[in-house]
């Protein structure tokens, strides 16, 4: 269903908690889109990050990407943008 989720190692997680905001991406195969699966997956990933002690998460998304609305719906806000992408952050 999902073809990408990237979580850092335990050592990298500790560094990120101290110094950075984790950034991640997900993608669903087309036949699974529009069913709420991506939203549920995103909510669970954000819950896991919060449980692990992170205060926020970030992502970059192409402006034309259909998922921009879903990211906003689960709590991401645009904090910056360039010609092609929105940079979004979700406070946990």
PDB file of N, CA and C in Angstrom:
ATOM      1  N   UNK A   1       0.817  -1.173   0.000  1.00  0.00           N
ATOM      2  CA  UNK A   1       0.000   0.000   0.000  1.00  0.00           C
ATOM      3  C   UNK A   1       0.871   1.251   0.000  1.00  0.00           C
ATOM      4  N   UNK A   2       1.626   1.439   1.064  1.00  0.00           N
ATOM      5  CA  UNK A   2       2.535   2.592   1.133  1.00  0.00           C
ATOM      6  C   UNK A   2       3.884   2.131   0.628  1.00  0.00           C
ATOM      7  N   UNK A   3       4.566   2.990  -0.081  1.00  0.00           N
ATOM      8  CA  UNK A   3       5.846   2.548  -0.622  1.00  0.00           C
ATOM      9  C   UNK A   3       7.031   3.291  -0.042  1.00  0.00           C
ATOM     10  N   UNK A   4       6.805   4.163   0.969  1.00  0.00           N
ATOM     11  CA  UNK A   4       7.957   4.832   1.556  1.00  0.00           C
ATOM     12  C   UNK A   4       7.621   5.403   2.924  1.00  0.00           C
ATOM     13  N   UNK A   5       8.399   5.080   3.887  1.00  0.00           N
ATOM     14  CA  UNK A   5       8.357   5.718   5.202  1.00  0.00           C
ATOM     15  C   UNK A   5       9.766   5.610   5.757  1.00  0.00           C
ATOM     16  N   UNK A   6      10.317   6.690   6.215  1.00  0.00           N
ATOM     17  CA  UNK A   6      11.710   6.716   6.636  1.00  0.00           C
ATOM     18  C   UNK A   6      11.824   7.212   8.067  1.00  0.00           C
ATOM     19  N   UNK A   7      12.268   6.330   8.960  1.00  0.00           N
ATOM     20  CA  UNK A   7      12.517   6.717  10.339  1.00  0.00           C
ATOM     21  C   UNK A   7      13.991   6.505  10.642  1.00  0.00           C
ATOM     22  N   UNK A   8      14.624   7.458  11.309  1.00  0.00           N
ATOM     23  CA  UNK A   8      16.048   7.351  11.609  1.00  0.00           C
ATOM     24  C   UNK A   8      16.346   6.309  12.683  1.00  0.00           C
ATOM     25  N   UNK A   9      17.627   5.915  12.763  1.00  0.00           N
ATOM     26  CA  UNK A   9      18.075   4.971  13.786  1.00  0.00           C
ATOM     27  C   UNK A   9      17.924   5.592  15.172  1.00  0.00           C
ATOM     28  N   UNK A  10      18.068   4.786  16.228  1.00  0.00           N
ATOM     29  CA  UNK A  10      17.952   5.294  17.599  1.00  0.00           C
ATOM     30  C   UNK A  10      18.941   6.436  17.859  1.00  0.00           C
ATOM     31  N   UNK A  11      20.168   6.270  17.409  1.00  0.00           N
ATOM     32  CA  UNK A  11      21.188   7.307  17.617  1.00  0.00           C
ATOM     33  C   UNK A  11      20.809   8.598  16.869  1.00  0.00           C
ATOM     34  N   UNK A  12      20.345   8.442  15.627  1.00  0.00           N
ATOM     35  CA  UNK A  12      19.933   9.606  14.861  1.00  0.00           C
ATOM     36  C   UNK A  12      18.713  10.276  15.491  1.00  0.00           C
ATOM     37  N   UNK A  13      17.802   9.473  16.044  1.00  0.00           N
ATOM     38  CA  UNK A  13      16.617  10.023  16.695  1.00  0.00           C
ATOM     39  C   UNK A  13      16.998  10.921  17.859  1.00  0.00           C
ATOM     40  N   UNK A  14      17.971  10.500  18.661  1.00  0.00           N
ATOM     41  CA  UNK A  14      18.396  11.298  19.810  1.00  0.00           C
ATOM     42  C   UNK A  14      18.975  12.645  19.345  1.00  0.00           C
ATOM     43  N   UNK A  15      19.780  12.615  18.278  1.00  0.00           N
ATOM     44  CA  UNK A  15      20.336  13.857  17.744  1.00  0.00           C
ATOM     45  C   UNK A  15      19.222  14.759  17.225  1.00  0.00           C
ATOM     46  N   UNK A  16      18.268  14.178  16.528  1.00  0.00           N
ATOM     47  CA  UNK A  16      17.165  14.966  15.979  1.00  0.00           C
ATOM     48  C   UNK A  16      16.357  15.589  17.104  1.00  0.00           C
ATOM     49  N   UNK A  17      16.052  14.829  18.151  1.00  0.00           N
ATOM     50  CA  UNK A  17      15.276  15.363  19.271  1.00  0.00           C
ATOM     51  C   UNK A  17      15.965  16.580  19.880  1.00  0.00           C
ATOM     52  N   UNK A  18      17.289  16.546  19.946  1.00  0.00           N
ATOM     53  CA  UNK A  18      18.026  17.642  20.566  1.00  0.00           C
ATOM     54  C   UNK A  18      18.191  18.830  19.640  1.00  0.00           C
ATOM     55  N   UNK A  19      18.356  18.575  18.343  1.00  0.00           N
ATOM     56  CA  UNK A  19      18.789  19.656  17.463  1.00  0.00           C
ATOM     57  C   UNK A  19      17.892  19.947  16.259  1.00  0.00           C
ATOM     58  N   UNK A  20      17.037  19.052  15.876  1.00  0.00           N
ATOM     59  CA  UNK A  20      16.358  19.213  14.603  1.00  0.00           C
ATOM     60  C   UNK A  20      14.888  18.815  14.668  1.00  0.00           C
ATOM     61  N   UNK A  21      14.197  19.099  13.617  1.00  0.00           N
ATOM     62  CA  UNK A  21      12.835  18.644  13.411  1.00  0.00           C
ATOM     63  C   UNK A  21      12.875  17.524  12.381  1.00  0.00           C
ATOM     64  N   UNK A  22      12.327  16.357  12.698  1.00  0.00           N
ATOM     65  CA  UNK A  22      12.362  15.268  11.718  1.00  0.00           C
ATOM     66  C   UNK A  22      11.511  15.599  10.498  1.00  0.00           C
ATOM     67  N   UNK A  23      11.959  15.146   9.369  1.00  0.00           N
ATOM     68  CA  UNK A  23      11.241  15.335   8.116  1.00  0.00           C
ATOM     69  C   UNK A  23      10.976  13.961   7.520  1.00  0.00           C
ATOM     70  N   UNK A  24       9.796  13.772   6.987  1.00  0.00           N
ATOM     71  CA  UNK A  24       9.487  12.478   6.399  1.00  0.00           C
ATOM     72  C   UNK A  24       8.561  12.629   5.212  1.00  0.00           C
ATOM     73  N   UNK A  25       8.351  11.521   4.522  1.00  0.00           N
ATOM     74  CA  UNK A  25       7.477  11.515   3.354  1.00  0.00           C
ATOM     75  C   UNK A  25       6.761  10.181   3.282  1.00  0.00           C
ATOM     76  N   UNK A  26       5.569  10.212   2.743  1.00  0.00           N
ATOM     77  CA  UNK A  26       4.851   8.976   2.456  1.00  0.00           C
ATOM     78  C   UNK A  26       4.283   9.088   1.046  1.00  0.00           C
ATOM     79  N   UNK A  27       3.983   7.952   0.489  1.00  0.00           N
ATOM     80  CA  UNK A  27       3.338   7.910  -0.807  1.00  0.00           C
ATOM     81  C   UNK A  27       2.523   6.631  -0.881  1.00  0.00           C
ATOM     82  N   UNK A  28       1.346   6.727  -1.453  1.00  0.00           N
ATOM     83  CA  UNK A  28       0.501   5.554  -1.638  1.00  0.00           C
ATOM     84  C   UNK A  28       0.386   5.245  -3.122  1.00  0.00           C
ATOM     85  N   UNK A  29       0.277   3.963  -3.433  1.00  0.00           N
ATOM     86  CA  UNK A  29      -0.018   3.585  -4.804  1.00  0.00           C
ATOM     87  C   UNK A  29      -1.372   4.166  -5.177  1.00  0.00           C
ATOM     88  N   UNK A  30      -1.551   4.524  -6.433  1.00  0.00           N
ATOM     89  CA  UNK A  30      -2.758   5.220  -6.878  1.00  0.00           C
ATOM     90  C   UNK A  30      -4.042   4.510  -6.500  1.00  0.00           C
ATOM     91  N   UNK A  31      -4.057   3.197  -6.568  1.00  0.00           N
ATOM     92  CA  UNK A  31      -5.301   2.469  -6.287  1.00  0.00           C
ATOM     93  C   UNK A  31      -5.736   2.553  -4.825  1.00  0.00           C
ATOM     94  N   UNK A  32      -4.860   3.032  -3.936  1.00  0.00           N
ATOM     95  CA  UNK A  32      -5.204   3.163  -2.514  1.00  0.00           C
ATOM     96  C   UNK A  32      -5.491   4.605  -2.106  1.00  0.00           C
ATOM     97  N   UNK A  33      -5.348   5.541  -3.020  1.00  0.00           N
ATOM     98  CA  UNK A  33      -5.567   6.951  -2.708  1.00  0.00           C
ATOM     99  C   UNK A  33      -7.064   7.263  -2.611  1.00  0.00           C
ATOM    100  N   UNK A  34      -7.392   8.291  -1.843  1.00  0.00           N
ATOM    101  CA  UNK A  34      -8.769   8.741  -1.738  1.00  0.00           C
ATOM    102  C   UNK A  34      -9.640   7.897  -0.824  1.00  0.00           C
ATOM    103  N   UNK A  35      -9.023   7.011  -0.034  1.00  0.00           N
ATOM    104  CA  UNK A  35      -9.772   6.130   0.859  1.00  0.00           C
ATOM    105  C   UNK A  35      -9.519   6.445   2.336  1.00  0.00           C
ATOM    106  N   UNK A  36      -8.739   7.485   2.606  1.00  0.00           N
ATOM    107  CA  UNK A  36      -8.424   7.836   3.991  1.00  0.00           C
ATOM    108  C   UNK A  36      -7.224   7.102   4.555  1.00  0.00           C
ATOM    109  N   UNK A  37      -6.620   6.234   3.772  1.00  0.00           N
ATOM    110  CA  UNK A  37      -5.474   5.448   4.246  1.00  0.00           C
ATOM    111  C   UNK A  37      -4.276   6.348   4.535  1.00  0.00           C
ATOM    112  N   UNK A  38      -3.989   7.283   3.636  1.00  0.00           N
ATOM    113  CA  UNK A  38      -2.860   8.191   3.836  1.00  0.00           C
ATOM    114  C   UNK A  38      -3.039   9.046   5.074  1.00  0.00           C
ATOM    115  N   UNK A  39      -4.259   9.532   5.288  1.00  0.00           N
ATOM    116  CA  UNK A  39      -4.535  10.342   6.482  1.00  0.00           C
ATOM    117  C   UNK A  39      -4.331   9.525   7.745  1.00  0.00           C
ATOM    118  N   UNK A  40      -4.838   8.299   7.765  1.00  0.00           N
ATOM    119  CA  UNK A  40      -4.676   7.440   8.938  1.00  0.00           C
ATOM    120  C   UNK A  40      -3.214   7.122   9.182  1.00  0.00           C
ATOM    121  N   UNK A  41      -2.481   6.836   8.120  1.00  0.00           N
ATOM    122  CA  UNK A  41      -1.057   6.545   8.250  1.00  0.00           C
ATOM    123  C   UNK A  41      -0.305   7.760   8.778  1.00  0.00           C
ATOM    124  N   UNK A  42      -0.618   8.932   8.247  1.00  0.00           N
ATOM    125  CA  UNK A  42       0.039  10.165   8.691  1.00  0.00           C
ATOM    126  C   UNK A  42      -0.251  10.441  10.162  1.00  0.00           C
ATOM    127  N   UNK A  43      -1.506  10.298  10.578  1.00  0.00           N
ATOM    128  CA  UNK A  43      -1.869  10.531  11.983  1.00  0.00           C
ATOM    129  C   UNK A  43      -1.094   9.578  12.888  1.00  0.00           C
ATOM    130  N   UNK A  44      -1.000   8.320  12.526  1.00  0.00           N
ATOM    131  CA  UNK A  44      -0.265   7.348  13.346  1.00  0.00           C
ATOM    132  C   UNK A  44       1.221   7.686  13.397  1.00  0.00           C
ATOM    133  N   UNK A  45       1.782   8.110  12.280  1.00  0.00           N
ATOM    134  CA  UNK A  45       3.199   8.476  12.264  1.00  0.00           C
ATOM    135  C   UNK A  45       3.446   9.687  13.151  1.00  0.00           C
ATOM    136  N   UNK A  46       2.549  10.671  13.117  1.00  0.00           N
ATOM    137  CA  UNK A  46       2.686  11.854  13.970  1.00  0.00           C
ATOM    138  C   UNK A  46       2.532  11.487  15.442  1.00  0.00           C
ATOM    139  N   UNK A  47       1.602  10.582  15.756  1.00  0.00           N
ATOM    140  CA  UNK A  47       1.442  10.115  17.138  1.00  0.00           C
ATOM    141  C   UNK A  47       2.720   9.433  17.619  1.00  0.00           C
ATOM    142  N   UNK A  48       3.331   8.627  16.765  1.00  0.00           N
ATOM    143  CA  UNK A  48       4.578   7.948  17.125  1.00  0.00           C
ATOM    144  C   UNK A  48       5.698   8.952  17.377  1.00  0.00           C
ATOM    145  N   UNK A  49       5.810   9.953  16.509  1.00  0.00           N
ATOM    146  CA  UNK A  49       6.843  10.971  16.716  1.00  0.00           C
ATOM    147  C   UNK A  49       6.628  11.716  18.032  1.00  0.00           C
ATOM    148  N   UNK A  50       5.386  12.057  18.336  1.00  0.00           N
ATOM    149  CA  UNK A  50       5.082  12.743  19.598  1.00  0.00           C
ATOM    150  C   UNK A  50       5.438  11.855  20.777  1.00  0.00           C
ATOM    151  N   UNK A  51       5.073  10.592  20.704  1.00  0.00           N
ATOM    152  CA  UNK A  51       5.371   9.624  21.766  1.00  0.00           C
ATOM    153  C   UNK A  51       6.883   9.493  21.974  1.00  0.00           C
ATOM    154  N   UNK A  52       7.647   9.637  20.884  1.00  0.00           N
ATOM    155  CA  UNK A  52       9.103   9.533  20.963  1.00  0.00           C
ATOM    156  C   UNK A  52       9.754  10.828  21.448  1.00  0.00           C
ATOM    157  N   UNK A  53       8.951  11.851  21.703  1.00  0.00           N
ATOM    158  CA  UNK A  53       9.487  13.069  22.281  1.00  0.00           C
ATOM    159  C   UNK A  53       9.704  14.225  21.331  1.00  0.00           C
ATOM    160  N   UNK A  54       9.326  14.069  20.082  1.00  0.00           N
ATOM    161  CA  UNK A  54       9.488  15.165  19.136  1.00  0.00           C
ATOM    162  C   UNK A  54       8.422  16.223  19.384  1.00  0.00           C
ATOM    163  N   UNK A  55       8.753  17.470  19.119  1.00  0.00           N
ATOM    164  CA  UNK A  55       7.810  18.573  19.294  1.00  0.00           C
ATOM    165  C   UNK A  55       7.130  18.975  18.004  1.00  0.00           C
ATOM    166  N   UNK A  56       7.732  18.607  16.867  1.00  0.00           N
ATOM    167  CA  UNK A  56       7.168  18.963  15.563  1.00  0.00           C
ATOM    168  C   UNK A  56       7.727  18.013  14.513  1.00  0.00           C
ATOM    169  N   UNK A  57       7.077  18.008  13.373  1.00  0.00           N
ATOM    170  CA  UNK A  57       7.547  17.243  12.213  1.00  0.00           C
ATOM    171  C   UNK A  57       7.435  18.152  10.999  1.00  0.00           C
ATOM    172  N   UNK A  58       8.227  17.869   9.983  1.00  0.00           N
ATOM    173  CA  UNK A  58       8.195  18.700   8.792  1.00  0.00           C
ATOM    174  C   UNK A  58       8.191  17.841   7.541  1.00  0.00           C
ATOM    175  N   UNK A  59       7.814  18.480   6.452  1.00  0.00           N
ATOM    176  CA  UNK A  59       7.878  17.824   5.151  1.00  0.00           C
ATOM    177  C   UNK A  59       7.909  18.881   4.070  1.00  0.00           C
ATOM    178  N   UNK A  60       8.345  18.478   2.901  1.00  0.00           N
ATOM    179  CA  UNK A  60       8.294  19.318   1.707  1.00  0.00           C
ATOM    180  C   UNK A  60       7.401  18.599   0.711  1.00  0.00           C
ATOM    181  N   UNK A  61       6.532  19.347   0.068  1.00  0.00           N
ATOM    182  CA  UNK A  61       5.586  18.743  -0.866  1.00  0.00           C
ATOM    183  C   UNK A  61       5.455  19.628  -2.099  1.00  0.00           C
ATOM    184  N   UNK A  62       5.408  19.014  -3.254  1.00  0.00           N
ATOM    185  CA  UNK A  62       5.188  19.744  -4.492  1.00  0.00           C
ATOM    186  C   UNK A  62       3.858  20.492  -4.415  1.00  0.00           C
ATOM    187  N   UNK A  63       3.827  21.717  -4.875  1.00  0.00           N
ATOM    188  CA  UNK A  63       2.620  22.533  -4.796  1.00  0.00           C
ATOM    189  C   UNK A  63       1.430  21.886  -5.504  1.00  0.00           C
ATOM    190  N   UNK A  64       1.683  21.161  -6.562  1.00  0.00           N
ATOM    191  CA  UNK A  64       0.606  20.535  -7.334  1.00  0.00           C
ATOM    192  C   UNK A  64       0.186  19.170  -6.781  1.00  0.00           C
ATOM    193  N   UNK A  65       0.810  18.713  -5.712  1.00  0.00           N
ATOM    194  CA  UNK A  65       0.529  17.387  -5.166  1.00  0.00           C
ATOM    195  C   UNK A  65      -0.877  17.344  -4.561  1.00  0.00           C
ATOM    196  N   UNK A  66      -1.634  16.325  -4.907  1.00  0.00           N
ATOM    197  CA  UNK A  66      -2.996  16.139  -4.384  1.00  0.00           C
ATOM    198  C   UNK A  66      -3.016  16.033  -2.860  1.00  0.00           C
ATOM    199  N   UNK A  67      -1.908  15.660  -2.234  1.00  0.00           N
ATOM    200  CA  UNK A  67      -1.864  15.408  -0.788  1.00  0.00           C
ATOM    201  C   UNK A  67      -1.728  16.678   0.049  1.00  0.00           C
ATOM    202  N   UNK A  68      -1.535  17.834  -0.570  1.00  0.00           N
ATOM    203  CA  UNK A  68      -1.383  19.074   0.197  1.00  0.00           C
ATOM    204  C   UNK A  68      -2.574  19.268   1.131  1.00  0.00           C
ATOM    205  N   UNK A  69      -3.775  19.041   0.642  1.00  0.00           N
ATOM    206  CA  UNK A  69      -4.979  19.202   1.473  1.00  0.00           C
ATOM    207  C   UNK A  69      -4.949  18.237   2.661  1.00  0.00           C
ATOM    208  N   UNK A  70      -4.557  17.005   2.435  1.00  0.00           N
ATOM    209  CA  UNK A  70      -4.489  16.016   3.515  1.00  0.00           C
ATOM    210  C   UNK A  70      -3.487  16.453   4.576  1.00  0.00           C
ATOM    211  N   UNK A  71      -2.328  16.961   4.143  1.00  0.00           N
ATOM    212  CA  UNK A  71      -1.335  17.418   5.114  1.00  0.00           C
ATOM    213  C   UNK A  71      -1.909  18.546   5.970  1.00  0.00           C
ATOM    214  N   UNK A  72      -2.613  19.466   5.343  1.00  0.00           N
ATOM    215  CA  UNK A  72      -3.249  20.552   6.095  1.00  0.00           C
ATOM    216  C   UNK A  72      -4.307  19.999   7.050  1.00  0.00           C
ATOM    217  N   UNK A  73      -5.073  19.041   6.580  1.00  0.00           N
ATOM    218  CA  UNK A  73      -6.142  18.453   7.397  1.00  0.00           C
ATOM    219  C   UNK A  73      -5.613  17.755   8.657  1.00  0.00           C
ATOM    220  N   UNK A  74      -4.397  17.199   8.597  1.00  0.00           N
ATOM    221  CA  UNK A  74      -3.840  16.521   9.780  1.00  0.00           C
ATOM    222  C   UNK A  74      -2.995  17.450  10.638  1.00  0.00           C
ATOM    223  N   UNK A  75      -2.916  18.740  10.247  1.00  0.00           N
ATOM    224  CA  UNK A  75      -2.266  19.703  11.129  1.00  0.00           C
ATOM    225  C   UNK A  75      -1.024  20.396  10.614  1.00  0.00           C
ATOM    226  N   UNK A  76      -0.580  20.087   9.408  1.00  0.00           N
ATOM    227  CA  UNK A  76       0.597  20.759   8.860  1.00  0.00           C
ATOM    228  C   UNK A  76       0.223  22.155   8.399  1.00  0.00           C
ATOM    229  N   UNK A  77       1.147  23.099   8.612  1.00  0.00           N
ATOM    230  CA  UNK A  77       0.978  24.475   8.161  1.00  0.00           C
ATOM    231  C   UNK A  77       2.175  24.857   7.294  1.00  0.00           C
ATOM    232  N   UNK A  78       1.930  25.610   6.257  1.00  0.00           N
ATOM    233  CA  UNK A  78       3.008  26.060   5.384  1.00  0.00           C
ATOM    234  C   UNK A  78       3.830  27.125   6.106  1.00  0.00           C
ATOM    235  N   UNK A  79       5.143  26.904   6.198  1.00  0.00           N
ATOM    236  CA  UNK A  79       6.035  27.862   6.856  1.00  0.00           C
ATOM    237  C   UNK A  79       6.980  28.533   5.873  1.00  0.00           C
ATOM    238  N   UNK A  80       7.092  27.960   4.679  1.00  0.00           N
ATOM    239  CA  UNK A  80       7.946  28.530   3.646  1.00  0.00           C
ATOM    240  C   UNK A  80       7.550  27.887   2.326  1.00  0.00           C
ATOM    241  N   UNK A  81       8.017  28.479   1.251  1.00  0.00           N
ATOM    242  CA  UNK A  81       7.765  27.897  -0.061  1.00  0.00           C
ATOM    243  C   UNK A  81       8.784  28.418  -1.045  1.00  0.00           C
ATOM    244  N   UNK A  82       8.961  27.662  -2.105  1.00  0.00           N
ATOM    245  CA  UNK A  82       9.771  28.121  -3.220  1.00  0.00           C
ATOM    246  C   UNK A  82       8.913  27.974  -4.472  1.00  0.00           C
ATOM    247  N   UNK A  83       9.493  28.059  -5.634  1.00  0.00           N
ATOM    248  CA  UNK A  83       8.713  28.022  -6.869  1.00  0.00           C
ATOM    249  C   UNK A  83       7.951  26.701  -7.036  1.00  0.00           C
ATOM    250  N   UNK A  84       8.470  25.626  -6.454  1.00  0.00           N
ATOM    251  CA  UNK A  84       7.889  24.304  -6.700  1.00  0.00           C
ATOM    252  C   UNK A  84       7.277  23.634  -5.474  1.00  0.00           C
ATOM    253  N   UNK A  85       7.730  23.996  -4.277  1.00  0.00           N
ATOM    254  CA  UNK A  85       7.327  23.238  -3.094  1.00  0.00           C
ATOM    255  C   UNK A  85       6.826  24.119  -1.951  1.00  0.00           C
ATOM    256  N   UNK A  86       5.982  23.512  -1.137  1.00  0.00           N
ATOM    257  CA  UNK A  86       5.635  24.064   0.154  1.00  0.00           C
ATOM    258  C   UNK A  86       6.498  23.360   1.198  1.00  0.00           C
ATOM    259  N   UNK A  87       7.018  24.093   2.151  1.00  0.00           N
ATOM    260  CA  UNK A  87       7.689  23.528   3.312  1.00  0.00           C
ATOM    261  C   UNK A  87       6.668  23.619   4.437  1.00  0.00           C
ATOM    262  N   UNK A  88       6.328  22.487   5.016  1.00  0.00           N
ATOM    263  CA  UNK A  88       5.245  22.447   6.003  1.00  0.00           C
ATOM    264  C   UNK A  88       5.736  21.873   7.326  1.00  0.00           C
ATOM    265  N   UNK A  89       5.153  22.366   8.414  1.00  0.00           N
ATOM    266  CA  UNK A  89       5.497  21.900   9.768  1.00  0.00           C
ATOM    267  C   UNK A  89       4.215  21.598  10.507  1.00  0.00           C
ATOM    268  N   UNK A  90       4.259  20.539  11.313  1.00  0.00           N
ATOM    269  CA  UNK A  90       3.147  20.167  12.174  1.00  0.00           C
ATOM    270  C   UNK A  90       3.655  20.191  13.618  1.00  0.00           C
ATOM    271  N   UNK A  91       3.050  21.031  14.443  1.00  0.00           N
ATOM    272  CA  UNK A  91       3.386  21.069  15.858  1.00  0.00           C
ATOM    273  C   UNK A  91       2.710  19.873  16.526  1.00  0.00           C
ATOM    274  N   UNK A  92       3.494  19.107  17.267  1.00  0.00           N
ATOM    275  CA  UNK A  92       2.967  17.903  17.900  1.00  0.00           C
ATOM    276  C   UNK A  92       2.556  18.205  19.331  1.00  0.00           C
TER     277      UNK A  92
END
